[in-house]
Amino acid sequence: DIPLLVEHFLEQIADEYGSPKKNIDAKAMDYLQQQAWTGNIRELKNVVERLVIMSDKKITLDDAKLYVKN
């Protein structure tokens, strides 16, 4: 479910900001999948939004590690 939600949020946030959709590399996606979101979709969306705003064209593992609270 996490990859589908992340892709949805990437598209939604790009539309909201009027910017091109950013891509996320496989290692970053794997890292997001390993996190315990405990059913909190808003937390995941907030992290994806921070990643979109603060990262370059492609979201990397290093980016994900900066914005995910352990």
PDB file of N, CA and C in Angstrom:
ATOM      1  N   ASP A   1       0.810  -1.205   0.000  1.00  0.00           N
ATOM      2  CA  ASP A   1       0.000   0.000   0.000  1.00  0.00           C
ATOM      3  C   ASP A   1       0.850   1.264   0.000  1.00  0.00           C
ATOM      4  N   ILE A   2       1.991   1.241   0.669  1.00  0.00           N
ATOM      5  CA  ILE A   2       2.820   2.440   0.795  1.00  0.00           C
ATOM      6  C   ILE A   2       3.249   2.978  -0.572  1.00  0.00           C
ATOM      7  N   PRO A   3       3.762   2.142  -1.488  1.00  0.00           N
ATOM      8  CA  PRO A   3       4.153   2.693  -2.792  1.00  0.00           C
ATOM      9  C   PRO A   3       2.995   3.373  -3.525  1.00  0.00           C
ATOM     10  N   LEU A   4       1.811   2.791  -3.459  1.00  0.00           N
ATOM     11  CA  LEU A   4       0.650   3.405  -4.114  1.00  0.00           C
ATOM     12  C   LEU A   4       0.311   4.744  -3.476  1.00  0.00           C
ATOM     13  N   LEU A   5       0.333   4.797  -2.166  1.00  0.00           N
ATOM     14  CA  LEU A   5       0.048   6.051  -1.472  1.00  0.00           C
ATOM     15  C   LEU A   5       1.103   7.109  -1.773  1.00  0.00           C
ATOM     16  N   VAL A   6       2.366   6.716  -1.753  1.00  0.00           N
ATOM     17  CA  VAL A   6       3.445   7.668  -2.034  1.00  0.00           C
ATOM     18  C   VAL A   6       3.285   8.237  -3.440  1.00  0.00           C
ATOM     19  N   GLU A   7       3.054   7.382  -4.422  1.00  0.00           N
ATOM     20  CA  GLU A   7       2.880   7.858  -5.803  1.00  0.00           C
ATOM     21  C   GLU A   7       1.672   8.786  -5.908  1.00  0.00           C
ATOM     22  N   HIS A   8       0.592   8.432  -5.236  1.00  0.00           N
ATOM     23  CA  HIS A   8      -0.599   9.291  -5.236  1.00  0.00           C
ATOM     24  C   HIS A   8      -0.270  10.658  -4.636  1.00  0.00           C
ATOM     25  N   PHE A   9       0.410  10.662  -3.497  1.00  0.00           N
ATOM     26  CA  PHE A   9       0.758  11.926  -2.845  1.00  0.00           C
ATOM     27  C   PHE A   9       1.727  12.742  -3.694  1.00  0.00           C
ATOM     28  N   LEU A  10       2.667  12.086  -4.365  1.00  0.00           N
ATOM     29  CA  LEU A  10       3.594  12.810  -5.236  1.00  0.00           C
ATOM     30  C   LEU A  10       2.835  13.548  -6.338  1.00  0.00           C
ATOM     31  N   GLU A  11       1.857  12.876  -6.933  1.00  0.00           N
ATOM     32  CA  GLU A  11       1.049  13.509  -7.979  1.00  0.00           C
ATOM     33  C   GLU A  11       0.192  14.631  -7.400  1.00  0.00           C
ATOM     34  N   GLN A  12      -0.461  14.359  -6.287  1.00  0.00           N
ATOM     35  CA  GLN A  12      -1.354  15.335  -5.665  1.00  0.00           C
ATOM     36  C   GLN A  12      -0.593  16.600  -5.261  1.00  0.00           C
ATOM     37  N   ILE A  13       0.544  16.434  -4.656  1.00  0.00           N
ATOM     38  CA  ILE A  13       1.332  17.573  -4.183  1.00  0.00           C
ATOM     39  C   ILE A  13       1.891  18.365  -5.360  1.00  0.00           C
ATOM     40  N   ALA A  14       2.321  17.677  -6.399  1.00  0.00           N
ATOM     41  CA  ALA A  14       2.792  18.376  -7.600  1.00  0.00           C
ATOM     42  C   ALA A  14       1.673  19.238  -8.178  1.00  0.00           C
ATOM     43  N   ASP A  15       0.466  18.699  -8.231  1.00  0.00           N
ATOM     44  CA  ASP A  15      -0.682  19.469  -8.719  1.00  0.00           C
ATOM     45  C   ASP A  15      -0.949  20.680  -7.829  1.00  0.00           C
ATOM     46  N   GLU A  16      -0.904  20.485  -6.519  1.00  0.00           N
ATOM     47  CA  GLU A  16      -1.165  21.580  -5.579  1.00  0.00           C
ATOM     48  C   GLU A  16      -0.167  22.718  -5.745  1.00  0.00           C
ATOM     49  N   TYR A  17       1.101  22.368  -5.987  1.00  0.00           N
ATOM     50  CA  TYR A  17       2.151  23.370  -6.106  1.00  0.00           C
ATOM     51  C   TYR A  17       2.382  23.813  -7.551  1.00  0.00           C
ATOM     52  N   GLY A  18       1.679  23.188  -8.486  1.00  0.00           N
ATOM     53  CA  GLY A  18       1.848  23.532  -9.892  1.00  0.00           C
ATOM     54  C   GLY A  18       3.247  23.239 -10.405  1.00  0.00           C
ATOM     55  N   SER A  19       3.810  22.142  -9.934  1.00  0.00           N
ATOM     56  CA  SER A  19       5.168  21.763 -10.325  1.00  0.00           C
ATOM     57  C   SER A  19       5.164  20.355 -10.910  1.00  0.00           C
ATOM     58  N   PRO A  20       6.237  20.003 -11.619  1.00  0.00           N
ATOM     59  CA  PRO A  20       6.312  18.638 -12.153  1.00  0.00           C
ATOM     60  C   PRO A  20       6.390  17.618 -11.017  1.00  0.00           C
ATOM     61  N   LYS A  21       5.839  16.444 -11.269  1.00  0.00           N
ATOM     62  CA  LYS A  21       5.882  15.361 -10.280  1.00  0.00           C
ATOM     63  C   LYS A  21       7.318  14.886 -10.111  1.00  0.00           C
ATOM     64  N   LYS A  22       7.741  14.767  -8.873  1.00  0.00           N
ATOM     65  CA  LYS A  22       9.085  14.258  -8.598  1.00  0.00           C
ATOM     66  C   LYS A  22       9.055  12.742  -8.559  1.00  0.00           C
ATOM     67  N   ASN A  23      10.191  12.162  -8.876  1.00  0.00           N
ATOM     68  CA  ASN A  23      10.351  10.714  -8.802  1.00  0.00           C
ATOM     69  C   ASN A  23      11.050  10.363  -7.498  1.00  0.00           C
ATOM     70  N   ILE A  24      10.845   9.138  -7.066  1.00  0.00           N
ATOM     71  CA  ILE A  24      11.490   8.645  -5.853  1.00  0.00           C
ATOM     72  C   ILE A  24      12.278   7.395  -6.219  1.00  0.00           C
ATOM     73  N   ASP A  25      13.530   7.338  -5.773  1.00  0.00           N
ATOM     74  CA  ASP A  25      14.319   6.159  -6.141  1.00  0.00           C
ATOM     75  C   ASP A  25      13.913   4.951  -5.299  1.00  0.00           C
ATOM     76  N   ALA A  26      14.293   3.782  -5.773  1.00  0.00           N
ATOM     77  CA  ALA A  26      13.853   2.521  -5.167  1.00  0.00           C
ATOM     78  C   ALA A  26      14.303   2.395  -3.713  1.00  0.00           C
ATOM     79  N   LYS A  27      15.517   2.834  -3.410  1.00  0.00           N
ATOM     80  CA  LYS A  27      16.014   2.723  -2.030  1.00  0.00           C
ATOM     81  C   LYS A  27      15.212   3.612  -1.088  1.00  0.00           C
ATOM     82  N   ALA A  28      14.846   4.787  -1.548  1.00  0.00           N
ATOM     83  CA  ALA A  28      14.026   5.681  -0.719  1.00  0.00           C
ATOM     84  C   ALA A  28      12.647   5.075  -0.497  1.00  0.00           C
ATOM     85  N   MET A  29      12.072   4.493  -1.546  1.00  0.00           N
ATOM     86  CA  MET A  29      10.758   3.860  -1.414  1.00  0.00           C
ATOM     87  C   MET A  29      10.839   2.683  -0.445  1.00  0.00           C
ATOM     88  N   ASP A  30      11.893   1.869  -0.566  1.00  0.00           N
ATOM     89  CA  ASP A  30      12.084   0.746   0.360  1.00  0.00           C
ATOM     90  C   ASP A  30      12.159   1.244   1.802  1.00  0.00           C
ATOM     91  N   TYR A  31      12.889   2.330   1.998  1.00  0.00           N
ATOM     92  CA  TYR A  31      13.034   2.901   3.341  1.00  0.00           C
ATOM     93  C   TYR A  31      11.676   3.339   3.893  1.00  0.00           C
ATOM     94  N   LEU A  32      10.876   3.995   3.064  1.00  0.00           N
ATOM     95  CA  LEU A  32       9.545   4.425   3.508  1.00  0.00           C
ATOM     96  C   LEU A  32       8.672   3.221   3.850  1.00  0.00           C
ATOM     97  N   GLN A  33       8.820   2.140   3.097  1.00  0.00           N
ATOM     98  CA  GLN A  33       8.028   0.937   3.359  1.00  0.00           C
ATOM     99  C   GLN A  33       8.428   0.263   4.670  1.00  0.00           C
ATOM    100  N   GLN A  34       9.663   0.431   5.078  1.00  0.00           N
ATOM    101  CA  GLN A  34      10.151  -0.204   6.303  1.00  0.00           C
ATOM    102  C   GLN A  34       9.699   0.524   7.567  1.00  0.00           C
ATOM    103  N   GLN A  35       9.188   1.730   7.414  1.00  0.00           N
ATOM    104  CA  GLN A  35       8.781   2.518   8.576  1.00  0.00           C
ATOM    105  C   GLN A  35       7.430   2.051   9.105  1.00  0.00           C
ATOM    106  N   ALA A  36       7.228   2.242  10.388  1.00  0.00           N
ATOM    107  CA  ALA A  36       5.954   1.880  11.020  1.00  0.00           C
ATOM    108  C   ALA A  36       5.037   3.101  10.996  1.00  0.00           C
ATOM    109  N   TRP A  37       4.199   3.170   9.991  1.00  0.00           N
ATOM    110  CA  TRP A  37       3.289   4.313   9.868  1.00  0.00           C
ATOM    111  C   TRP A  37       2.052   4.123  10.745  1.00  0.00           C
ATOM    112  N   THR A  38       1.863   2.969  11.273  1.00  0.00           N
ATOM    113  CA  THR A  38       0.757   2.643  12.186  1.00  0.00           C
ATOM    114  C   THR A  38      -0.581   3.227  11.741  1.00  0.00           C
ATOM    115  N   GLY A  39      -0.837   3.100  10.461  1.00  0.00           N
ATOM    116  CA  GLY A  39      -2.122   3.538   9.927  1.00  0.00           C
ATOM    117  C   GLY A  39      -2.279   5.038   9.812  1.00  0.00           C
ATOM    118  N   ASN A  40      -1.217   5.786  10.013  1.00  0.00           N
ATOM    119  CA  ASN A  40      -1.308   7.236   9.982  1.00  0.00           C
ATOM    120  C   ASN A  40      -0.950   7.762   8.596  1.00  0.00           C
ATOM    121  N   ILE A  41      -1.953   7.864   7.760  1.00  0.00           N
ATOM    122  CA  ILE A  41      -1.740   8.305   6.380  1.00  0.00           C
ATOM    123  C   ILE A  41      -1.334   9.774   6.341  1.00  0.00           C
ATOM    124  N   ARG A  42      -1.849  10.580   7.261  1.00  0.00           N
ATOM    125  CA  ARG A  42      -1.478  12.004   7.282  1.00  0.00           C
ATOM    126  C   ARG A  42       0.007  12.192   7.539  1.00  0.00           C
ATOM    127  N   GLU A  43       0.564  11.367   8.406  1.00  0.00           N
ATOM    128  CA  GLU A  43       2.000  11.453   8.681  1.00  0.00           C
ATOM    129  C   GLU A  43       2.794  11.137   7.418  1.00  0.00           C
ATOM    130  N   LEU A  44       2.399  10.096   6.703  1.00  0.00           N
ATOM    131  CA  LEU A  44       3.068   9.736   5.458  1.00  0.00           C
ATOM    132  C   LEU A  44       2.944  10.873   4.447  1.00  0.00           C
ATOM    133  N   LYS A  45       1.753  11.440   4.311  1.00  0.00           N
ATOM    134  CA  LYS A  45       1.562  12.543   3.360  1.00  0.00           C
ATOM    135  C   LYS A  45       2.439  13.734   3.730  1.00  0.00           C
ATOM    136  N   ASN A  46       2.532  14.057   5.012  1.00  0.00           N
ATOM    137  CA  ASN A  46       3.373  15.176   5.442  1.00  0.00           C
ATOM    138  C   ASN A  46       4.840  14.940   5.103  1.00  0.00           C
ATOM    139  N   VAL A  47       5.307  13.714   5.284  1.00  0.00           N
ATOM    140  CA  VAL A  47       6.691  13.380   4.939  1.00  0.00           C
ATOM    141  C   VAL A  47       6.898  13.519   3.436  1.00  0.00           C
ATOM    142  N   VAL A  48       5.974  13.000   2.649  1.00  0.00           N
ATOM    143  CA  VAL A  48       6.099  13.099   1.191  1.00  0.00           C
ATOM    144  C   VAL A  48       6.093  14.568   0.768  1.00  0.00           C
ATOM    145  N   GLU A  49       5.254  15.378   1.387  1.00  0.00           N
ATOM    146  CA  GLU A  49       5.213  16.800   1.041  1.00  0.00           C
ATOM    147  C   GLU A  49       6.549  17.474   1.353  1.00  0.00           C
ATOM    148  N   ARG A  50       7.126  17.183   2.504  1.00  0.00           N
ATOM    149  CA  ARG A  50       8.446  17.737   2.840  1.00  0.00           C
ATOM    150  C   ARG A  50       9.496  17.282   1.837  1.00  0.00           C
ATOM    151  N   LEU A  51       9.425  16.012   1.445  1.00  0.00           N
ATOM    152  CA  LEU A  51      10.380  15.496   0.464  1.00  0.00           C
ATOM    153  C   LEU A  51      10.240  16.224  -0.867  1.00  0.00           C
ATOM    154  N   VAL A  52       9.015  16.477  -1.287  1.00  0.00           N
ATOM    155  CA  VAL A  52       8.784  17.182  -2.554  1.00  0.00           C
ATOM    156  C   VAL A  52       9.347  18.596  -2.478  1.00  0.00           C
ATOM    157  N   ILE A  53       9.097  19.271  -1.380  1.00  0.00           N
ATOM    158  CA  ILE A  53       9.525  20.664  -1.242  1.00  0.00           C
ATOM    159  C   ILE A  53      11.041  20.777  -1.118  1.00  0.00           C
ATOM    160  N   MET A  54      11.654  19.892  -0.358  1.00  0.00           N
ATOM    161  CA  MET A  54      13.059  20.059   0.007  1.00  0.00           C
ATOM    162  C   MET A  54      14.061  19.295  -0.857  1.00  0.00           C
ATOM    163  N   SER A  55      13.611  18.356  -1.658  1.00  0.00           N
ATOM    164  CA  SER A  55      14.560  17.547  -2.432  1.00  0.00           C
ATOM    165  C   SER A  55      14.736  18.096  -3.843  1.00  0.00           C
ATOM    166  N   ASP A  56      15.751  17.564  -4.513  1.00  0.00           N
ATOM    167  CA  ASP A  56      15.976  17.916  -5.915  1.00  0.00           C
ATOM    168  C   ASP A  56      14.956  17.186  -6.777  1.00  0.00           C
ATOM    169  N   LYS A  57      15.269  16.999  -8.037  1.00  0.00           N
ATOM    170  CA  LYS A  57      14.315  16.387  -8.968  1.00  0.00           C
ATOM    171  C   LYS A  57      13.934  14.969  -8.581  1.00  0.00           C
ATOM    172  N   LYS A  58      14.877  14.224  -8.017  1.00  0.00           N
ATOM    173  CA  LYS A  58      14.605  12.844  -7.618  1.00  0.00           C
ATOM    174  C   LYS A  58      14.807  12.705  -6.115  1.00  0.00           C
ATOM    175  N   ILE A  59      13.842  12.103  -5.454  1.00  0.00           N
ATOM    176  CA  ILE A  59      13.915  11.902  -4.009  1.00  0.00           C
ATOM    177  C   ILE A  59      14.798  10.685  -3.739  1.00  0.00           C
ATOM    178  N   THR A  60      15.823  10.880  -2.923  1.00  0.00           N
ATOM    179  CA  THR A  60      16.803   9.826  -2.656  1.00  0.00           C
ATOM    180  C   THR A  60      16.633   9.263  -1.244  1.00  0.00           C
ATOM    181  N   LEU A  61      17.366   8.208  -0.979  1.00  0.00           N
ATOM    182  CA  LEU A  61      17.372   7.608   0.356  1.00  0.00           C
ATOM    183  C   LEU A  61      17.837   8.624   1.395  1.00  0.00           C
ATOM    184  N   ASP A  62      18.873   9.383   1.080  1.00  0.00           N
ATOM    185  CA  ASP A  62      19.361  10.395   2.023  1.00  0.00           C
ATOM    186  C   ASP A  62      18.274  11.419   2.342  1.00  0.00           C
ATOM    187  N   ASP A  63      17.518  11.828   1.322  1.00  0.00           N
ATOM    188  CA  ASP A  63      16.400  12.752   1.548  1.00  0.00           C
ATOM    189  C   ASP A  63      15.396  12.126   2.513  1.00  0.00           C
ATOM    190  N   ALA A  64      15.018  10.892   2.246  1.00  0.00           N
ATOM    191  CA  ALA A  64      14.013  10.215   3.072  1.00  0.00           C
ATOM    192  C   ALA A  64      14.478  10.109   4.520  1.00  0.00           C
ATOM    193  N   LYS A  65      15.740   9.797   4.721  1.00  0.00           N
ATOM    194  CA  LYS A  65      16.258   9.662   6.082  1.00  0.00           C
ATOM    195  C   LYS A  65      16.222  10.987   6.840  1.00  0.00           C
ATOM    196  N   LEU A  66      16.328  12.098   6.123  1.00  0.00           N
ATOM    197  CA  LEU A  66      16.282  13.410   6.773  1.00  0.00           C
ATOM    198  C   LEU A  66      14.903  13.756   7.323  1.00  0.00           C
ATOM    199  N   TYR A  67      13.859  13.274   6.660  1.00  0.00           N
ATOM    200  CA  TYR A  67      12.510  13.745   6.979  1.00  0.00           C
ATOM    201  C   TYR A  67      11.602  12.702   7.619  1.00  0.00           C
ATOM    202  N   VAL A  68      12.102  11.510   7.851  1.00  0.00           N
ATOM    203  CA  VAL A  68      11.300  10.484   8.526  1.00  0.00           C
ATOM    204  C   VAL A  68      11.719  10.446   9.983  1.00  0.00           C
ATOM    205  N   LYS A  69      10.733  10.610  10.870  1.00  0.00           N
ATOM    206  CA  LYS A  69      11.014  10.536  12.308  1.00  0.00           C
ATOM    207  C   LYS A  69      11.060   9.072  12.713  1.00  0.00           C
ATOM    208  N   ASN A  70      12.122   8.682  13.382  1.00  0.00           N
ATOM    209  CA  ASN A  70      12.249   7.292  13.840  1.00  0.00           C
ATOM    210  C   ASN A  70      11.582   7.093  15.165  1.00  0.00           C
TER     211      ASN A  70
END
